[in-house]
Amino acid sequence: MLTELTIISAFLAGLLSTGHCIGMCGGIVGALTLTIPKNQSLWLYLFSYNLGRISSYTVAGLLVGFLGASVADQFSLHNYHFIILQFSGIFMIILGLYMGDWWKGLSALERMGAHVWCKLEPLGQSLIPVKNPWQAFSFGLIWGWLPCGLVYSILAFSLASSNIMQGGTLMLAFGLGTLPTTLALGATTKWIITLTNNFRVRQFTAILIIILGLIVIYEAG
């Protein structure tokens, strides 16, 4: 039950992160779509890019889940299950506060990730202009590592899961949640962006995630 709650939270975080996604990825998607060769399928390139991006998220989740499992096995902490569930619940609350624009603590994680990103960004830039779907996929693979507080918060869930497959599933759920927005950005479809960027919708989702976090903490006890 608790695993299902965190997966739902991960998906909702991705789905309702439109405002953040537009700021972080809008220019990237624009750079991709503007360089697509004429008479080529826009959707093929968009799906290829997003497949690469979500693949990177999933790989990161698998790696972090493996790390969590290794730490758990290495130290054999007393009440480890209780500790990781509390950790997951706290991060769900932090994520809800971040999405609701009530507290921007996750921005500090984005600044930390920027140090690694400065090494990867030139690789992504070298793939512009995008000339084929494989290149779009590679472009997505690299830009999937763009520093993002929302991504880092879901990675925290993956770490706390202490399970390789659960870690990957959480990041996959988050990536699938972001898919409608990134496709809409590339295809200039406005209605879904308007819906998910609605202030009340975002705050409702933020409150829901905070409630789910409190449930996780309560159930852990």
Protein backbone atom coordinates (compact mmCIF):
# COMPACT_ATOMS: atom_id res chain seq x y z
CA MET A 1 0.00 0.00 0.00
CA LEU A 2 2.75 2.45 0.95
CA THR A 3 4.67 1.71 -2.25
CA GLU A 4 1.53 2.42 -4.28
CA LEU A 5 1.13 5.77 -2.49
CA THR A 6 4.64 6.88 -3.40
CA ILE A 7 4.20 5.77 -7.01
CA ILE A 8 0.95 7.76 -7.22
CA SER A 9 2.72 10.77 -5.70
CA ALA A 10 5.57 10.44 -8.21
CA PHE A 11 3.12 10.36 -11.13
CA LEU A 12 1.12 13.32 -9.81
CA ALA A 13 4.30 15.30 -9.24
CA GLY A 14 5.23 14.80 -12.87
CA LEU A 15 1.75 15.46 -14.21
CA LEU A 16 1.18 18.68 -12.27
CA SER A 17 4.69 20.09 -12.65
CA THR A 18 3.77 22.09 -15.76
CA GLY A 19 4.92 25.49 -14.54
CA HIS A 20 8.25 24.05 -13.47
CA CYS A 21 8.61 22.01 -16.66
CA ILE A 22 7.94 25.01 -18.88
CA GLY A 23 10.66 26.97 -17.13
CA MET A 24 13.17 24.11 -17.10
CA CYS A 25 12.45 22.32 -20.38
CA GLY A 26 10.46 24.71 -22.56
CA GLY A 27 13.55 26.11 -24.26
CA ILE A 28 15.03 22.64 -24.68
CA VAL A 29 11.92 21.27 -26.39
CA GLY A 30 11.74 24.40 -28.51
CA ALA A 31 15.34 23.92 -29.63
CA LEU A 32 14.50 20.35 -30.57
CA THR A 33 11.33 21.09 -32.55
CA LEU A 34 12.78 24.07 -34.42
CA THR A 35 15.59 21.94 -35.82
CA ILE A 36 13.51 18.96 -36.98
CA PRO A 37 14.08 18.42 -40.71
CA LYS A 38 11.23 19.39 -43.00
CA ASN A 39 8.78 16.65 -44.02
CA GLN A 40 9.69 14.66 -40.88
CA SER A 41 7.16 13.51 -38.25
CA LEU A 42 7.06 15.93 -35.31
CA TRP A 43 5.52 13.25 -33.07
CA LEU A 44 8.23 10.72 -33.90
CA TYR A 45 10.91 13.18 -32.79
CA LEU A 46 9.00 14.22 -29.68
CA PHE A 47 8.44 10.61 -28.61
CA SER A 48 12.08 9.77 -29.31
CA TYR A 49 13.26 12.71 -27.19
CA ASN A 50 10.92 11.82 -24.34
CA LEU A 51 11.84 8.14 -24.50
CA GLY A 52 15.46 9.15 -23.97
CA ARG A 53 14.59 11.54 -21.15
CA ILE A 54 12.38 9.04 -19.30
CA SER A 55 15.00 6.32 -19.84
CA SER A 56 17.53 8.48 -18.01
CA TYR A 57 15.08 9.02 -15.16
CA THR A 58 14.47 5.27 -14.89
CA VAL A 59 18.19 4.42 -14.95
CA ALA A 60 18.81 7.00 -12.22
CA GLY A 61 16.02 5.43 -10.15
CA LEU A 62 17.48 1.94 -10.62
CA LEU A 63 20.93 3.14 -9.56
CA VAL A 64 19.67 5.01 -6.52
CA GLY A 65 17.43 2.07 -5.54
CA PHE A 66 20.48 -0.20 -5.77
CA LEU A 67 22.44 2.25 -3.60
CA GLY A 68 19.69 2.24 -0.99
CA ALA A 69 19.57 -1.57 -0.99
CA SER A 70 23.36 -1.74 -0.63
CA VAL A 71 23.35 0.63 2.32
CA ALA A 72 20.58 -1.35 4.00
CA ASP A 73 22.47 -4.63 3.56
CA GLN A 74 25.81 -3.14 4.61
CA PHE A 75 24.74 -1.52 7.86
CA SER A 76 21.75 -3.68 8.84
CA LEU A 77 20.25 -0.72 10.66
CA HIS A 78 17.79 -1.41 13.45
CA ASN A 79 14.24 -0.49 12.38
CA TYR A 80 15.56 0.36 8.91
CA HIS A 81 12.14 -0.14 7.34
CA PHE A 82 10.65 2.39 9.75
CA ILE A 83 13.44 4.87 8.99
CA ILE A 84 13.06 4.73 5.20
CA LEU A 85 9.29 5.06 5.38
CA GLN A 86 9.63 8.12 7.60
CA PHE A 87 12.19 9.49 5.13
CA SER A 88 9.80 8.90 2.22
CA GLY A 89 6.92 10.58 4.03
CA ILE A 90 9.00 13.63 4.91
CA PHE A 91 10.15 14.02 1.33
CA MET A 92 6.58 13.73 0.08
CA ILE A 93 5.67 16.63 2.37
CA ILE A 94 8.67 18.64 1.15
CA LEU A 95 7.66 17.90 -2.46
CA GLY A 96 4.10 19.04 -1.77
CA LEU A 97 5.34 22.30 -0.24
CA TYR A 98 7.58 22.83 -3.27
CA MET A 99 4.80 22.19 -5.78
CA GLY A 100 2.42 24.46 -3.88
CA ASP A 101 4.97 27.30 -3.90
CA TRP A 102 4.93 27.35 -0.09
CA TRP A 103 8.60 26.45 0.43
CA LYS A 104 11.42 26.23 -2.12
CA GLY A 105 13.89 24.11 -0.18
CA LEU A 106 14.38 21.77 -3.14
CA SER A 107 15.96 24.64 -5.07
CA ALA A 108 19.13 24.02 -3.05
CA LEU A 109 19.37 20.54 -4.60
CA GLU A 110 19.06 22.07 -8.07
CA ARG A 111 22.02 24.35 -7.34
CA MET A 112 24.08 21.37 -6.20
CA GLY A 113 23.23 19.43 -9.36
CA ALA A 114 24.31 22.36 -11.53
CA HIS A 115 27.96 21.49 -10.86
CA VAL A 116 27.52 18.12 -12.60
CA TRP A 117 25.25 19.52 -15.29
CA CYS A 118 27.89 21.97 -16.54
CA LYS A 119 29.88 18.91 -17.68
CA LEU A 120 26.95 17.33 -19.55
CA GLU A 121 25.35 20.37 -21.16
CA PRO A 122 27.98 20.71 -23.94
CA LEU A 123 27.17 17.13 -25.02
CA GLY A 124 23.52 18.03 -25.43
CA GLN A 125 24.35 21.20 -27.32
CA SER A 126 26.53 19.21 -29.71
CA LEU A 127 23.44 17.26 -30.84
CA ILE A 128 21.72 20.42 -32.12
CA PRO A 129 20.45 20.55 -34.82
CA VAL A 130 18.69 17.21 -34.41
CA LYS A 131 18.73 15.38 -37.74
CA ASN A 132 17.12 12.01 -36.98
CA PRO A 133 15.02 10.24 -34.29
CA TRP A 134 18.06 8.44 -32.85
CA GLN A 135 19.74 11.80 -32.32
CA ALA A 136 16.55 13.06 -30.64
CA PHE A 137 16.66 10.03 -28.33
CA SER A 138 20.30 10.76 -27.47
CA PHE A 139 19.40 14.39 -26.87
CA GLY A 140 16.72 13.24 -24.40
CA LEU A 141 19.14 10.89 -22.65
CA ILE A 142 21.47 13.77 -21.85
CA TRP A 143 18.83 16.36 -20.95
CA GLY A 144 17.21 13.85 -18.60
CA TRP A 145 20.04 14.72 -16.18
CA LEU A 146 19.13 18.42 -16.08
CA PRO A 147 19.17 19.59 -12.41
CA CYS A 148 15.57 19.58 -11.15
CA GLY A 149 14.29 19.69 -7.58
CA LEU A 150 11.27 17.57 -8.51
CA VAL A 151 13.49 14.88 -10.03
CA TYR A 152 15.70 14.87 -6.96
CA SER A 153 12.72 14.51 -4.64
CA ILE A 154 11.52 11.40 -6.50
CA LEU A 155 15.09 10.06 -6.43
CA ALA A 156 14.88 10.41 -2.65
CA PHE A 157 11.84 8.10 -2.75
CA SER A 158 13.88 5.69 -4.87
CA LEU A 159 16.73 5.77 -2.36
CA ALA A 160 14.35 5.19 0.53
CA SER A 161 12.72 2.25 -1.26
CA SER A 162 16.00 0.30 -0.94
CA ASN A 163 14.89 -1.72 -3.92
CA ILE A 164 16.25 -1.59 -7.46
CA MET A 165 12.95 -2.25 -9.24
CA GLN A 166 10.91 0.02 -6.98
CA GLY A 167 13.47 2.79 -7.46
CA GLY A 168 13.24 2.48 -11.23
CA THR A 169 9.42 2.24 -11.13
CA LEU A 170 9.12 5.46 -9.12
CA MET A 171 11.23 7.40 -11.61
CA LEU A 172 9.38 5.82 -14.54
CA ALA A 173 6.06 6.91 -13.01
CA PHE A 174 7.37 10.46 -12.59
CA GLY A 175 8.65 10.52 -16.18
CA LEU A 176 5.32 9.29 -17.55
CA GLY A 177 3.59 11.99 -15.54
CA THR A 178 5.67 14.68 -17.25
CA LEU A 179 4.99 13.25 -20.71
CA PRO A 180 1.72 15.11 -21.47
CA THR A 181 3.33 18.47 -20.71
CA THR A 182 6.48 17.92 -22.75
CA LEU A 183 4.49 16.58 -25.69
CA ALA A 184 2.12 19.53 -25.44
CA LEU A 185 5.05 21.95 -25.39
CA GLY A 186 6.48 20.41 -28.52
CA ALA A 187 3.17 20.19 -30.35
CA THR A 188 1.95 23.60 -29.12
CA THR A 189 -1.18 22.01 -27.64
CA LYS A 190 -2.43 24.60 -25.17
CA TRP A 191 -5.34 23.09 -23.28
CA ILE A 192 -3.42 20.60 -21.14
CA ILE A 193 -0.84 23.23 -20.24
CA THR A 194 -3.61 25.59 -19.17
CA LEU A 195 -5.25 22.89 -17.05
CA THR A 196 -2.17 21.60 -15.27
CA ASN A 197 -0.70 25.08 -14.76
CA ASN A 198 -3.87 26.27 -13.02
CA PHE A 199 -2.97 27.65 -9.59
CA ARG A 200 -5.81 25.87 -7.78
CA VAL A 201 -5.12 22.56 -9.51
CA ARG A 202 -1.45 22.71 -8.54
CA GLN A 203 -2.24 23.59 -4.94
CA PHE A 204 -4.85 20.82 -4.70
CA THR A 205 -2.26 18.31 -5.93
CA ALA A 206 0.35 19.71 -3.54
CA ILE A 207 -2.05 19.27 -0.61
CA LEU A 208 -2.86 15.73 -1.79
CA ILE A 209 0.83 14.79 -1.87
CA ILE A 210 1.35 16.28 1.62
CA ILE A 211 -1.60 14.20 2.89
CA LEU A 212 -0.14 11.07 1.29
CA GLY A 213 3.18 11.87 2.98
CA LEU A 214 1.45 12.15 6.37
CA ILE A 215 -0.29 8.81 5.72
CA VAL A 216 3.07 7.17 4.94
CA ILE A 217 4.54 8.53 8.20
CA TYR A 218 1.48 7.41 10.18
CA GLU A 219 1.45 3.93 8.66
CA ALA A 220 5.18 3.59 9.31
CA GLY A 221 4.56 4.08 13.00
